[in-house]
């Protein structure tokens, strides 16, 4: 019997979407082994440019971050890669903070940049 695929959530602020796309392209073979979930705009970008199957939630500012946070709280996400733009304000900061808090509450690995994400998906980590 095959073990279900682990879930990785992919989220990127607008100024970090290119960085997320480059990360996913560079790690496409590894990420293809996971069930991928993403906020709407990020998910569309990744699916369109990589051919990977990405289950898309709503766009982050209209509830996508909260949808992924709920999945973290329910134990359905093994890792979150959230490339955050630390130099910009975001209207949905409460949702972002909720997601970050829930990753910490539920001990879910959270990568906020490409270097950390690469470590998390390395064979030694996940």
PDB file of N, CA and C in Angstrom:
ATOM      1  N   UNK A   1       0.849  -1.182   0.000  1.00  0.00           N
ATOM      2  CA  UNK A   1       0.000   0.000   0.000  1.00  0.00           C
ATOM      3  C   UNK A   1       0.894   1.245   0.000  1.00  0.00           C
ATOM      4  N   UNK A   2       0.595   2.175  -0.871  1.00  0.00           N
ATOM      5  CA  UNK A   2       1.427   3.376  -0.941  1.00  0.00           C
ATOM      6  C   UNK A   2       1.029   4.380   0.129  1.00  0.00           C
ATOM      7  N   UNK A   3       2.037   5.024   0.638  1.00  0.00           N
ATOM      8  CA  UNK A   3       1.828   6.063   1.645  1.00  0.00           C
ATOM      9  C   UNK A   3       1.345   7.335   0.954  1.00  0.00           C
ATOM     10  N   UNK A   4       0.355   8.023   1.554  1.00  0.00           N
ATOM     11  CA  UNK A   4      -0.112   9.273   0.926  1.00  0.00           C
ATOM     12  C   UNK A   4       1.022  10.296   0.833  1.00  0.00           C
ATOM     13  N   UNK A   5       0.967  11.104  -0.217  1.00  0.00           N
ATOM     14  CA  UNK A   5       1.989  12.141  -0.391  1.00  0.00           C
ATOM     15  C   UNK A   5       1.860  13.193   0.703  1.00  0.00           C
ATOM     16  N   UNK A   6       2.990  13.673   1.159  1.00  0.00           N
ATOM     17  CA  UNK A   6       2.993  14.776   2.112  1.00  0.00           C
ATOM     18  C   UNK A   6       2.618  16.061   1.383  1.00  0.00           C
ATOM     19  N   UNK A   7       2.058  17.013   2.127  1.00  0.00           N
ATOM     20  CA  UNK A   7       1.604  18.273   1.543  1.00  0.00           C
ATOM     21  C   UNK A   7       2.569  19.399   1.881  1.00  0.00           C
ATOM     22  N   UNK A   8       2.902  20.161   0.855  1.00  0.00           N
ATOM     23  CA  UNK A   8       3.713  21.364   1.003  1.00  0.00           C
ATOM     24  C   UNK A   8       2.885  22.544   0.503  1.00  0.00           C
ATOM     25  N   UNK A   9       2.796  23.592   1.308  1.00  0.00           N
ATOM     26  CA  UNK A   9       2.085  24.811   0.919  1.00  0.00           C
ATOM     27  C   UNK A   9       3.086  25.823   0.372  1.00  0.00           C
ATOM     28  N   UNK A  10       2.699  26.475  -0.728  1.00  0.00           N
ATOM     29  CA  UNK A  10       3.556  27.456  -1.399  1.00  0.00           C
ATOM     30  C   UNK A  10       2.833  28.797  -1.470  1.00  0.00           C
ATOM     31  N   UNK A  11       3.456  29.829  -0.910  1.00  0.00           N
ATOM     32  CA  UNK A  11       2.872  31.167  -0.878  1.00  0.00           C
ATOM     33  C   UNK A  11       3.999  32.154  -1.130  1.00  0.00           C
ATOM     34  N   UNK A  12       3.717  33.205  -1.898  1.00  0.00           N
ATOM     35  CA  UNK A  12       4.742  34.230  -2.133  1.00  0.00           C
ATOM     36  C   UNK A  12       4.076  35.586  -2.307  1.00  0.00           C
ATOM     37  N   UNK A  13       4.591  36.570  -1.606  1.00  0.00           N
ATOM     38  CA  UNK A  13       4.135  37.934  -1.830  1.00  0.00           C
ATOM     39  C   UNK A  13       4.519  38.359  -3.246  1.00  0.00           C
ATOM     40  N   UNK A  14       3.844  39.375  -3.756  1.00  0.00           N
ATOM     41  CA  UNK A  14       4.043  39.794  -5.145  1.00  0.00           C
ATOM     42  C   UNK A  14       5.515  40.009  -5.489  1.00  0.00           C
ATOM     43  N   UNK A  15       6.252  40.697  -4.627  1.00  0.00           N
ATOM     44  CA  UNK A  15       7.664  40.981  -4.903  1.00  0.00           C
ATOM     45  C   UNK A  15       8.565  39.761  -4.746  1.00  0.00           C
ATOM     46  N   UNK A  16       8.011  38.636  -4.316  1.00  0.00           N
ATOM     47  CA  UNK A  16       8.782  37.408  -4.120  1.00  0.00           C
ATOM     48  C   UNK A  16       8.335  36.278  -5.053  1.00  0.00           C
ATOM     49  N   UNK A  17       7.355  36.545  -5.914  1.00  0.00           N
ATOM     50  CA  UNK A  17       6.841  35.499  -6.799  1.00  0.00           C
ATOM     51  C   UNK A  17       7.915  34.988  -7.764  1.00  0.00           C
ATOM     52  N   UNK A  18       8.737  35.867  -8.300  1.00  0.00           N
ATOM     53  CA  UNK A  18       9.809  35.436  -9.204  1.00  0.00           C
ATOM     54  C   UNK A  18      10.794  34.526  -8.471  1.00  0.00           C
ATOM     55  N   UNK A  19      11.099  34.870  -7.238  1.00  0.00           N
ATOM     56  CA  UNK A  19      12.001  34.039  -6.428  1.00  0.00           C
ATOM     57  C   UNK A  19      11.366  32.665  -6.166  1.00  0.00           C
ATOM     58  N   UNK A  20      10.064  32.641  -5.866  1.00  0.00           N
ATOM     59  CA  UNK A  20       9.374  31.366  -5.644  1.00  0.00           C
ATOM     60  C   UNK A  20       9.381  30.533  -6.920  1.00  0.00           C
ATOM     61  N   UNK A  21       9.093  31.161  -8.053  1.00  0.00           N
ATOM     62  CA  UNK A  21       9.089  30.434  -9.316  1.00  0.00           C
ATOM     63  C   UNK A  21      10.467  29.836  -9.598  1.00  0.00           C
ATOM     64  N   UNK A  22      11.509  30.605  -9.403  1.00  0.00           N
ATOM     65  CA  UNK A  22      12.879  30.100  -9.624  1.00  0.00           C
ATOM     66  C   UNK A  22      13.173  28.929  -8.693  1.00  0.00           C
ATOM     67  N   UNK A  23      12.744  29.033  -7.434  1.00  0.00           N
ATOM     68  CA  UNK A  23      12.955  27.947  -6.470  1.00  0.00           C
ATOM     69  C   UNK A  23      12.227  26.681  -6.923  1.00  0.00           C
ATOM     70  N   UNK A  24      10.965  26.827  -7.317  1.00  0.00           N
ATOM     71  CA  UNK A  24      10.183  25.660  -7.732  1.00  0.00           C
ATOM     72  C   UNK A  24      10.759  25.047  -9.007  1.00  0.00           C
ATOM     73  N   UNK A  25      11.158  25.866  -9.958  1.00  0.00           N
ATOM     74  CA  UNK A  25      11.767  25.334 -11.175  1.00  0.00           C
ATOM     75  C   UNK A  25      13.051  24.563 -10.868  1.00  0.00           C
ATOM     76  N   UNK A  26      13.858  25.086  -9.968  1.00  0.00           N
ATOM     77  CA  UNK A  26      15.119  24.436  -9.607  1.00  0.00           C
ATOM     78  C   UNK A  26      14.899  23.142  -8.827  1.00  0.00           C
ATOM     79  N   UNK A  27      13.752  23.023  -8.171  1.00  0.00           N
ATOM     80  CA  UNK A  27      13.461  21.857  -7.325  1.00  0.00           C
ATOM     81  C   UNK A  27      12.235  21.088  -7.805  1.00  0.00           C
ATOM     82  N   UNK A  28      11.930  21.229  -9.079  1.00  0.00           N
ATOM     83  CA  UNK A  28      10.709  20.656  -9.646  1.00  0.00           C
ATOM     84  C   UNK A  28      10.619  19.144  -9.430  1.00  0.00           C
ATOM     85  N   UNK A  29      11.693  18.442  -9.678  1.00  0.00           N
ATOM     86  CA  UNK A  29      11.671  16.983  -9.539  1.00  0.00           C
ATOM     87  C   UNK A  29      11.342  16.563  -8.104  1.00  0.00           C
ATOM     88  N   UNK A  30      11.924  17.227  -7.142  1.00  0.00           N
ATOM     89  CA  UNK A  30      11.649  16.921  -5.736  1.00  0.00           C
ATOM     90  C   UNK A  30      10.230  17.313  -5.360  1.00  0.00           C
ATOM     91  N   UNK A  31       9.815  18.507  -5.744  1.00  0.00           N
ATOM     92  CA  UNK A  31       8.479  18.979  -5.375  1.00  0.00           C
ATOM     93  C   UNK A  31       7.367  18.163  -6.033  1.00  0.00           C
ATOM     94  N   UNK A  32       7.650  17.535  -7.164  1.00  0.00           N
ATOM     95  CA  UNK A  32       6.643  16.707  -7.838  1.00  0.00           C
ATOM     96  C   UNK A  32       6.233  15.508  -6.989  1.00  0.00           C
ATOM     97  N   UNK A  33       7.024  15.152  -6.009  1.00  0.00           N
ATOM     98  CA  UNK A  33       6.692  14.022  -5.123  1.00  0.00           C
ATOM     99  C   UNK A  33       5.706  14.408  -4.031  1.00  0.00           C
ATOM    100  N   UNK A  34       5.434  15.711  -3.898  1.00  0.00           N
ATOM    101  CA  UNK A  34       4.551  16.202  -2.849  1.00  0.00           C
ATOM    102  C   UNK A  34       3.219  16.645  -3.433  1.00  0.00           C
ATOM    103  N   UNK A  35       2.207  16.658  -2.580  1.00  0.00           N
ATOM    104  CA  UNK A  35       0.930  17.280  -2.924  1.00  0.00           C
ATOM    105  C   UNK A  35       1.142  18.762  -2.651  1.00  0.00           C
ATOM    106  N   UNK A  36       0.976  19.586  -3.671  1.00  0.00           N
ATOM    107  CA  UNK A  36       1.249  21.015  -3.532  1.00  0.00           C
ATOM    108  C   UNK A  36      -0.049  21.792  -3.414  1.00  0.00           C
ATOM    109  N   UNK A  37      -0.092  22.697  -2.463  1.00  0.00           N
ATOM    110  CA  UNK A  37      -1.211  23.602  -2.291  1.00  0.00           C
ATOM    111  C   UNK A  37      -0.630  25.011  -2.244  1.00  0.00           C
ATOM    112  N   UNK A  38      -1.359  25.970  -2.820  1.00  0.00           N
ATOM    113  CA  UNK A  38      -0.838  27.335  -2.884  1.00  0.00           C
ATOM    114  C   UNK A  38      -1.975  28.331  -2.865  1.00  0.00           C
ATOM    115  N   UNK A  39      -1.631  29.563  -2.512  1.00  0.00           N
ATOM    116  CA  UNK A  39      -2.607  30.635  -2.676  1.00  0.00           C
ATOM    117  C   UNK A  39      -2.837  30.821  -4.172  1.00  0.00           C
ATOM    118  N   UNK A  40      -3.962  31.436  -4.522  1.00  0.00           N
ATOM    119  CA  UNK A  40      -4.428  31.463  -5.902  1.00  0.00           C
ATOM    120  C   UNK A  40      -3.460  31.987  -6.934  1.00  0.00           C
ATOM    121  N   UNK A  41      -2.960  33.191  -6.752  1.00  0.00           N
ATOM    122  CA  UNK A  41      -2.089  33.807  -7.755  1.00  0.00           C
ATOM    123  C   UNK A  41      -0.751  33.081  -7.837  1.00  0.00           C
ATOM    124  N   UNK A  42      -0.186  32.742  -6.705  1.00  0.00           N
ATOM    125  CA  UNK A  42       1.072  31.995  -6.685  1.00  0.00           C
ATOM    126  C   UNK A  42       0.883  30.630  -7.342  1.00  0.00           C
ATOM    127  N   UNK A  43      -0.199  29.954  -6.992  1.00  0.00           N
ATOM    128  CA  UNK A  43      -0.463  28.630  -7.551  1.00  0.00           C
ATOM    129  C   UNK A  43      -0.610  28.652  -9.062  1.00  0.00           C
ATOM    130  N   UNK A  44      -1.313  29.651  -9.584  1.00  0.00           N
ATOM    131  CA  UNK A  44      -1.488  29.762 -11.037  1.00  0.00           C
ATOM    132  C   UNK A  44      -0.142  29.987 -11.715  1.00  0.00           C
ATOM    133  N   UNK A  45       0.654  30.890 -11.174  1.00  0.00           N
ATOM    134  CA  UNK A  45       1.979  31.164 -11.723  1.00  0.00           C
ATOM    135  C   UNK A  45       2.819  29.894 -11.772  1.00  0.00           C
ATOM    136  N   UNK A  46       2.837  29.155 -10.673  1.00  0.00           N
ATOM    137  CA  UNK A  46       3.669  27.954 -10.600  1.00  0.00           C
ATOM    138  C   UNK A  46       3.174  26.866 -11.550  1.00  0.00           C
ATOM    139  N   UNK A  47       1.866  26.643 -11.586  1.00  0.00           N
ATOM    140  CA  UNK A  47       1.312  25.620 -12.478  1.00  0.00           C
ATOM    141  C   UNK A  47       1.565  25.984 -13.940  1.00  0.00           C
ATOM    142  N   UNK A  48       1.346  27.243 -14.292  1.00  0.00           N
ATOM    143  CA  UNK A  48       1.518  27.682 -15.678  1.00  0.00           C
ATOM    144  C   UNK A  48       2.957  27.568 -16.164  1.00  0.00           C
ATOM    145  N   UNK A  49       3.920  27.809 -15.275  1.00  0.00           N
ATOM    146  CA  UNK A  49       5.318  27.846 -15.704  1.00  0.00           C
ATOM    147  C   UNK A  49       6.114  26.576 -15.413  1.00  0.00           C
ATOM    148  N   UNK A  50       5.547  25.660 -14.620  1.00  0.00           N
ATOM    149  CA  UNK A  50       6.303  24.443 -14.294  1.00  0.00           C
ATOM    150  C   UNK A  50       5.600  23.167 -14.733  1.00  0.00           C
ATOM    151  N   UNK A  51       4.296  23.247 -14.968  1.00  0.00           N
ATOM    152  CA  UNK A  51       3.541  22.049 -15.312  1.00  0.00           C
ATOM    153  C   UNK A  51       3.213  21.188 -14.105  1.00  0.00           C
ATOM    154  N   UNK A  52       3.614  21.597 -12.917  1.00  0.00           N
ATOM    155  CA  UNK A  52       3.280  20.845 -11.709  1.00  0.00           C
ATOM    156  C   UNK A  52       1.799  21.002 -11.384  1.00  0.00           C
ATOM    157  N   UNK A  53       1.245  19.990 -10.776  1.00  0.00           N
ATOM    158  CA  UNK A  53      -0.140  20.065 -10.309  1.00  0.00           C
ATOM    159  C   UNK A  53      -0.139  20.819  -8.978  1.00  0.00           C
ATOM    160  N   UNK A  54      -0.862  21.926  -8.936  1.00  0.00           N
ATOM    161  CA  UNK A  54      -0.914  22.759  -7.739  1.00  0.00           C
ATOM    162  C   UNK A  54      -2.380  22.991  -7.388  1.00  0.00           C
ATOM    163  N   UNK A  55      -2.788  22.577  -6.196  1.00  0.00           N
ATOM    164  CA  UNK A  55      -4.148  22.806  -5.730  1.00  0.00           C
ATOM    165  C   UNK A  55      -4.231  24.242  -5.225  1.00  0.00           C
ATOM    166  N   UNK A  56      -5.035  25.061  -5.897  1.00  0.00           N
ATOM    167  CA  UNK A  56      -5.068  26.490  -5.590  1.00  0.00           C
ATOM    168  C   UNK A  56      -6.211  26.854  -4.648  1.00  0.00           C
ATOM    169  N   UNK A  57      -5.846  27.642  -3.654  1.00  0.00           N
ATOM    170  CA  UNK A  57      -6.811  28.247  -2.743  1.00  0.00           C
ATOM    171  C   UNK A  57      -7.163  29.630  -3.307  1.00  0.00           C
ATOM    172  N   UNK A  58      -7.865  30.414  -2.522  1.00  0.00           N
ATOM    173  CA  UNK A  58      -8.111  31.803  -2.886  1.00  0.00           C
ATOM    174  C   UNK A  58      -6.798  32.574  -2.889  1.00  0.00           C
ATOM    175  N   UNK A  59      -6.798  33.738  -3.499  1.00  0.00           N
ATOM    176  CA  UNK A  59      -5.650  34.630  -3.411  1.00  0.00           C
ATOM    177  C   UNK A  59      -5.434  34.999  -1.937  1.00  0.00           C
ATOM    178  N   UNK A  60      -4.193  35.199  -1.544  1.00  0.00           N
ATOM    179  CA  UNK A  60      -3.878  35.496  -0.143  1.00  0.00           C
ATOM    180  C   UNK A  60      -4.706  36.601   0.477  1.00  0.00           C
ATOM    181  N   UNK A  61      -4.792  37.776  -0.149  1.00  0.00           N
ATOM    182  CA  UNK A  61      -5.514  38.883   0.467  1.00  0.00           C
ATOM    183  C   UNK A  61      -7.019  38.665   0.625  1.00  0.00           C
ATOM    184  N   UNK A  62      -7.569  37.689  -0.084  1.00  0.00           N
ATOM    185  CA  UNK A  62      -9.019  37.453   0.039  1.00  0.00           C
ATOM    186  C   UNK A  62      -9.325  36.128   0.741  1.00  0.00           C
ATOM    187  N   UNK A  63      -8.350  35.593   1.472  1.00  0.00           N
ATOM    188  CA  UNK A  63      -8.624  34.424   2.300  1.00  0.00           C
ATOM    189  C   UNK A  63      -7.750  33.208   2.074  1.00  0.00           C
ATOM    190  N   UNK A  64      -6.893  33.229   1.059  1.00  0.00           N
ATOM    191  CA  UNK A  64      -6.062  32.061   0.782  1.00  0.00           C
ATOM    192  C   UNK A  64      -5.089  31.726   1.902  1.00  0.00           C
ATOM    193  N   UNK A  65      -4.492  32.741   2.515  1.00  0.00           N
ATOM    194  CA  UNK A  65      -3.580  32.487   3.642  1.00  0.00           C
ATOM    195  C   UNK A  65      -4.342  31.823   4.784  1.00  0.00           C
ATOM    196  N   UNK A  66      -5.572  32.287   5.028  1.00  0.00           N
ATOM    197  CA  UNK A  66      -6.398  31.715   6.089  1.00  0.00           C
ATOM    198  C   UNK A  66      -6.791  30.274   5.763  1.00  0.00           C
ATOM    199  N   UNK A  67      -7.079  29.989   4.488  1.00  0.00           N
ATOM    200  CA  UNK A  67      -7.412  28.619   4.098  1.00  0.00           C
ATOM    201  C   UNK A  67      -6.237  27.676   4.359  1.00  0.00           C
ATOM    202  N   UNK A  68      -5.048  28.115   4.017  1.00  0.00           N
ATOM    203  CA  UNK A  68      -3.870  27.282   4.265  1.00  0.00           C
ATOM    204  C   UNK A  68      -3.610  27.175   5.766  1.00  0.00           C
ATOM    205  N   UNK A  69      -3.811  28.250   6.507  1.00  0.00           N
ATOM    206  CA  UNK A  69      -3.654  28.199   7.966  1.00  0.00           C
ATOM    207  C   UNK A  69      -4.595  27.154   8.569  1.00  0.00           C
ATOM    208  N   UNK A  70      -5.814  27.074   8.070  1.00  0.00           N
ATOM    209  CA  UNK A  70      -6.761  26.071   8.565  1.00  0.00           C
ATOM    210  C   UNK A  70      -6.233  24.666   8.310  1.00  0.00           C
ATOM    211  N   UNK A  71      -5.639  24.448   7.152  1.00  0.00           N
ATOM    212  CA  UNK A  71      -5.081  23.127   6.846  1.00  0.00           C
ATOM    213  C   UNK A  71      -3.904  22.802   7.765  1.00  0.00           C
ATOM    214  N   UNK A  72      -3.106  23.813   8.104  1.00  0.00           N
ATOM    215  CA  UNK A  72      -2.009  23.619   9.055  1.00  0.00           C
ATOM    216  C   UNK A  72      -2.590  23.203  10.408  1.00  0.00           C
ATOM    217  N   UNK A  73      -3.617  23.907  10.865  1.00  0.00           N
ATOM    218  CA  UNK A  73      -4.231  23.615  12.166  1.00  0.00           C
ATOM    219  C   UNK A  73      -4.845  22.220  12.200  1.00  0.00           C
ATOM    220  N   UNK A  74      -5.326  21.753  11.057  1.00  0.00           N
ATOM    221  CA  UNK A  74      -5.938  20.420  10.967  1.00  0.00           C
ATOM    222  C   UNK A  74      -4.912  19.310  10.763  1.00  0.00           C
ATOM    223  N   UNK A  75      -3.635  19.653  10.695  1.00  0.00           N
ATOM    224  CA  UNK A  75      -2.587  18.655  10.532  1.00  0.00           C
ATOM    225  C   UNK A  75      -2.465  18.112   9.124  1.00  0.00           C
ATOM    226  N   UNK A  76      -2.926  18.878   8.136  1.00  0.00           N
ATOM    227  CA  UNK A  76      -2.907  18.404   6.750  1.00  0.00           C
ATOM    228  C   UNK A  76      -1.748  18.962   5.927  1.00  0.00           C
ATOM    229  N   UNK A  77      -0.873  19.766   6.528  1.00  0.00           N
ATOM    230  CA  UNK A  77       0.261  20.359   5.813  1.00  0.00           C
ATOM    231  C   UNK A  77       1.536  20.032   6.590  1.00  0.00           C
ATOM    232  N   UNK A  78       2.516  19.472   5.885  1.00  0.00           N
ATOM    233  CA  UNK A  78       3.777  19.087   6.528  1.00  0.00           C
ATOM    234  C   UNK A  78       4.820  20.198   6.515  1.00  0.00           C
ATOM    235  N   UNK A  79       4.705  21.134   5.573  1.00  0.00           N
ATOM    236  CA  UNK A  79       5.668  22.240   5.498  1.00  0.00           C
ATOM    237  C   UNK A  79       5.027  23.401   4.746  1.00  0.00           C
ATOM    238  N   UNK A  80       5.417  24.609   5.133  1.00  0.00           N
ATOM    239  CA  UNK A  80       4.931  25.825   4.481  1.00  0.00           C
ATOM    240  C   UNK A  80       6.137  26.602   3.977  1.00  0.00           C
ATOM    241  N   UNK A  81       6.120  26.920   2.679  1.00  0.00           N
ATOM    242  CA  UNK A  81       7.134  27.780   2.082  1.00  0.00           C
ATOM    243  C   UNK A  81       6.435  29.090   1.749  1.00  0.00           C
ATOM    244  N   UNK A  82       6.669  30.095   2.565  1.00  0.00           N
ATOM    245  CA  UNK A  82       5.996  31.389   2.433  1.00  0.00           C
ATOM    246  C   UNK A  82       7.074  32.439   2.234  1.00  0.00           C
ATOM    247  N   UNK A  83       7.341  32.793   0.978  1.00  0.00           N
ATOM    248  CA  UNK A  83       8.367  33.787   0.671  1.00  0.00           C
ATOM    249  C   UNK A  83       7.764  35.163   0.911  1.00  0.00           C
ATOM    250  N   UNK A  84       8.117  35.727   2.043  1.00  0.00           N
ATOM    251  CA  UNK A  84       7.547  36.979   2.533  1.00  0.00           C
ATOM    252  C   UNK A  84       8.385  38.164   2.067  1.00  0.00           C
ATOM    253  N   UNK A  85       7.704  39.215   1.662  1.00  0.00           N
ATOM    254  CA  UNK A  85       8.377  40.470   1.345  1.00  0.00           C
ATOM    255  C   UNK A  85       8.438  41.278   2.637  1.00  0.00           C
ATOM    256  N   UNK A  86       9.598  41.327   3.295  1.00  0.00           N
ATOM    257  CA  UNK A  86       9.687  42.002   4.590  1.00  0.00           C
ATOM    258  C   UNK A  86       9.719  43.530   4.484  1.00  0.00           C
ATOM    259  N   UNK A  87       9.796  44.050   3.264  1.00  0.00           N
ATOM    260  CA  UNK A  87       9.921  45.489   3.089  1.00  0.00           C
ATOM    261  C   UNK A  87       8.606  46.165   2.698  1.00  0.00           C
ATOM    262  N   UNK A  88       7.539  45.401   2.619  1.00  0.00           N
ATOM    263  CA  UNK A  88       6.244  45.968   2.229  1.00  0.00           C
ATOM    264  C   UNK A  88       5.187  45.671   3.282  1.00  0.00           C
ATOM    265  N   UNK A  89       4.218  46.563   3.366  1.00  0.00           N
ATOM    266  CA  UNK A  89       3.048  46.325   4.222  1.00  0.00           C
ATOM    267  C   UNK A  89       2.019  45.566   3.403  1.00  0.00           C
ATOM    268  N   UNK A  90       1.236  44.770   4.081  1.00  0.00           N
ATOM    269  CA  UNK A  90       0.238  43.948   3.411  1.00  0.00           C
ATOM    270  C   UNK A  90      -1.108  44.124   4.103  1.00  0.00           C
ATOM    271  N   UNK A  91      -2.176  44.352   3.339  1.00  0.00           N
ATOM    272  CA  UNK A  91      -3.486  44.590   3.963  1.00  0.00           C
ATOM    273  C   UNK A  91      -4.008  43.396   4.736  1.00  0.00           C
ATOM    274  N   UNK A  92      -3.490  42.219   4.430  1.00  0.00           N
ATOM    275  CA  UNK A  92      -3.961  41.014   5.104  1.00  0.00           C
ATOM    276  C   UNK A  92      -2.939  40.504   6.135  1.00  0.00           C
ATOM    277  N   UNK A  93      -2.210  41.432   6.759  1.00  0.00           N
ATOM    278  CA  UNK A  93      -1.232  41.057   7.783  1.00  0.00           C
ATOM    279  C   UNK A  93      -1.809  40.171   8.887  1.00  0.00           C
ATOM    280  N   UNK A  94      -3.054  40.402   9.340  1.00  0.00           N
ATOM    281  CA  UNK A  94      -3.586  39.491  10.370  1.00  0.00           C
ATOM    282  C   UNK A  94      -3.639  38.030   9.902  1.00  0.00           C
ATOM    283  N   UNK A  95      -3.990  37.799   8.646  1.00  0.00           N
ATOM    284  CA  UNK A  95      -4.012  36.426   8.128  1.00  0.00           C
ATOM    285  C   UNK A  95      -2.604  35.849   8.039  1.00  0.00           C
ATOM    286  N   UNK A  96      -1.665  36.672   7.612  1.00  0.00           N
ATOM    287  CA  UNK A  96      -0.269  36.235   7.511  1.00  0.00           C
ATOM    288  C   UNK A  96       0.240  35.840   8.894  1.00  0.00           C
ATOM    289  N   UNK A  97      -0.003  36.710   9.881  1.00  0.00           N
ATOM    290  CA  UNK A  97       0.453  36.425  11.242  1.00  0.00           C
ATOM    291  C   UNK A  97      -0.214  35.181  11.807  1.00  0.00           C
ATOM    292  N   UNK A  98      -1.493  34.973  11.472  1.00  0.00           N
ATOM    293  CA  UNK A  98      -2.185  33.773  11.932  1.00  0.00           C
ATOM    294  C   UNK A  98      -1.504  32.530  11.365  1.00  0.00           C
ATOM    295  N   UNK A  99      -1.180  32.546  10.087  1.00  0.00           N
ATOM    296  CA  UNK A  99      -0.526  31.402   9.463  1.00  0.00           C
ATOM    297  C   UNK A  99       0.831  31.137  10.102  1.00  0.00           C
ATOM    298  N   UNK A 100       1.616  32.183  10.298  1.00  0.00           N
ATOM    299  CA  UNK A 100       2.928  32.019  10.926  1.00  0.00           C
ATOM    300  C   UNK A 100       2.785  31.473  12.348  1.00  0.00           C
ATOM    301  N   UNK A 101       1.824  31.992  13.089  1.00  0.00           N
ATOM    302  CA  UNK A 101       1.588  31.531  14.468  1.00  0.00           C
ATOM    303  C   UNK A 101       1.181  30.064  14.492  1.00  0.00           C
ATOM    304  N   UNK A 102       0.276  29.671  13.588  1.00  0.00           N
ATOM    305  CA  UNK A 102      -0.188  28.281  13.567  1.00  0.00           C
ATOM    306  C   UNK A 102       0.923  27.310  13.167  1.00  0.00           C
ATOM    307  N   UNK A 103       1.817  27.735  12.297  1.00  0.00           N
ATOM    308  CA  UNK A 103       2.970  26.887  11.986  1.00  0.00           C
ATOM    309  C   UNK A 103       3.793  26.640  13.246  1.00  0.00           C
ATOM    310  N   UNK A 104       3.958  27.675  14.047  1.00  0.00           N
ATOM    311  CA  UNK A 104       4.707  27.517  15.302  1.00  0.00           C
ATOM    312  C   UNK A 104       3.936  26.701  16.326  1.00  0.00           C
ATOM    313  N   UNK A 105       2.647  26.940  16.460  1.00  0.00           N
ATOM    314  CA  UNK A 105       1.818  26.191  17.416  1.00  0.00           C
ATOM    315  C   UNK A 105       1.834  24.698  17.091  1.00  0.00           C
ATOM    316  N   UNK A 106       1.744  24.362  15.808  1.00  0.00           N
ATOM    317  CA  UNK A 106       1.631  22.966  15.390  1.00  0.00           C
ATOM    318  C   UNK A 106       2.964  22.361  14.930  1.00  0.00           C
ATOM    319  N   UNK A 107       4.056  23.089  15.162  1.00  0.00           N
ATOM    320  CA  UNK A 107       5.401  22.592  14.869  1.00  0.00           C
ATOM    321  C   UNK A 107       5.555  22.171  13.405  1.00  0.00           C
ATOM    322  N   UNK A 108       5.054  23.016  12.513  1.00  0.00           N
ATOM    323  CA  UNK A 108       5.153  22.775  11.073  1.00  0.00           C
ATOM    324  C   UNK A 108       6.323  23.598  10.537  1.00  0.00           C
ATOM    325  N   UNK A 109       7.259  22.965   9.837  1.00  0.00           N
ATOM    326  CA  UNK A 109       8.375  23.727   9.277  1.00  0.00           C
ATOM    327  C   UNK A 109       7.876  24.868   8.396  1.00  0.00           C
ATOM    328  N   UNK A 110       8.469  26.040   8.594  1.00  0.00           N
ATOM    329  CA  UNK A 110       8.075  27.250   7.880  1.00  0.00           C
ATOM    330  C   UNK A 110       9.322  27.887   7.283  1.00  0.00           C
ATOM    331  N   UNK A 111       9.367  27.944   5.956  1.00  0.00           N
ATOM    332  CA  UNK A 111      10.498  28.558   5.261  1.00  0.00           C
ATOM    333  C   UNK A 111      10.032  29.874   4.666  1.00  0.00           C
ATOM    334  N   UNK A 112      10.700  30.949   5.030  1.00  0.00           N
ATOM    335  CA  UNK A 112      10.311  32.267   4.512  1.00  0.00           C
ATOM    336  C   UNK A 112      11.266  32.783   3.445  1.00  0.00           C
ATOM    337  N   UNK A 113      12.212  31.935   3.025  1.00  0.00           N
ATOM    338  CA  UNK A 113      13.124  32.300   1.944  1.00  0.00           C
ATOM    339  C   UNK A 113      13.613  31.031   1.254  1.00  0.00           C
ATOM    340  N   UNK A 114      14.227  31.197   0.097  1.00  0.00           N
ATOM    341  CA  UNK A 114      14.637  30.053  -0.723  1.00  0.00           C
ATOM    342  C   UNK A 114      15.687  29.183  -0.039  1.00  0.00           C
ATOM    343  N   UNK A 115      16.605  29.762   0.698  1.00  0.00           N
ATOM    344  CA  UNK A 115      17.651  28.972   1.359  1.00  0.00           C
ATOM    345  C   UNK A 115      17.052  28.018   2.381  1.00  0.00           C
ATOM    346  N   UNK A 116      16.131  28.523   3.179  1.00  0.00           N
ATOM    347  CA  UNK A 116      15.488  27.672   4.180  1.00  0.00           C
ATOM    348  C   UNK A 116      14.613  26.621   3.510  1.00  0.00           C
ATOM    349  N   UNK A 117      13.887  26.999   2.475  1.00  0.00           N
ATOM    350  CA  UNK A 117      13.024  26.048   1.762  1.00  0.00           C
ATOM    351  C   UNK A 117      13.861  24.916   1.167  1.00  0.00           C
ATOM    352  N   UNK A 118      15.019  25.236   0.603  1.00  0.00           N
ATOM    353  CA  UNK A 118      15.890  24.203   0.029  1.00  0.00           C
ATOM    354  C   UNK A 118      16.336  23.224   1.105  1.00  0.00           C
ATOM    355  N   UNK A 119      16.626  23.731   2.289  1.00  0.00           N
ATOM    356  CA  UNK A 119      17.008  22.832   3.377  1.00  0.00           C
ATOM    357  C   UNK A 119      15.832  21.951   3.790  1.00  0.00           C
ATOM    358  N   UNK A 120      14.654  22.532   3.902  1.00  0.00           N
ATOM    359  CA  UNK A 120      13.486  21.783   4.365  1.00  0.00           C
ATOM    360  C   UNK A 120      13.164  20.618   3.434  1.00  0.00           C
ATOM    361  N   UNK A 121      13.314  20.791   2.116  1.00  0.00           N
ATOM    362  CA  UNK A 121      13.000  19.690   1.205  1.00  0.00           C
ATOM    363  C   UNK A 121      14.190  18.784   0.936  1.00  0.00           C
ATOM    364  N   UNK A 122      15.316  19.071   1.570  1.00  0.00           N
ATOM    365  CA  UNK A 122      16.461  18.192   1.390  1.00  0.00           C
ATOM    366  C   UNK A 122      16.135  16.841   2.035  1.00  0.00           C
ATOM    367  N   UNK A 123      16.767  15.777   1.568  1.00  0.00           N
ATOM    368  CA  UNK A 123      16.469  14.443   2.108  1.00  0.00           C
ATOM    369  C   UNK A 123      16.654  14.343   3.626  1.00  0.00           C
ATOM    370  N   UNK A 124      17.471  15.191   4.179  1.00  0.00           N
ATOM    371  CA  UNK A 124      17.734  15.124   5.614  1.00  0.00           C
ATOM    372  C   UNK A 124      16.616  15.733   6.454  1.00  0.00           C
ATOM    373  N   UNK A 125      15.782  16.584   5.860  1.00  0.00           N
ATOM    374  CA  UNK A 125      14.805  17.324   6.659  1.00  0.00           C
ATOM    375  C   UNK A 125      13.389  16.770   6.582  1.00  0.00           C
ATOM    376  N   UNK A 126      12.821  16.688   5.387  1.00  0.00           N
ATOM    377  CA  UNK A 126      11.430  16.231   5.268  1.00  0.00           C
ATOM    378  C   UNK A 126      11.477  14.763   5.002  1.00  0.00           C
TER     379      UNK A 126
END
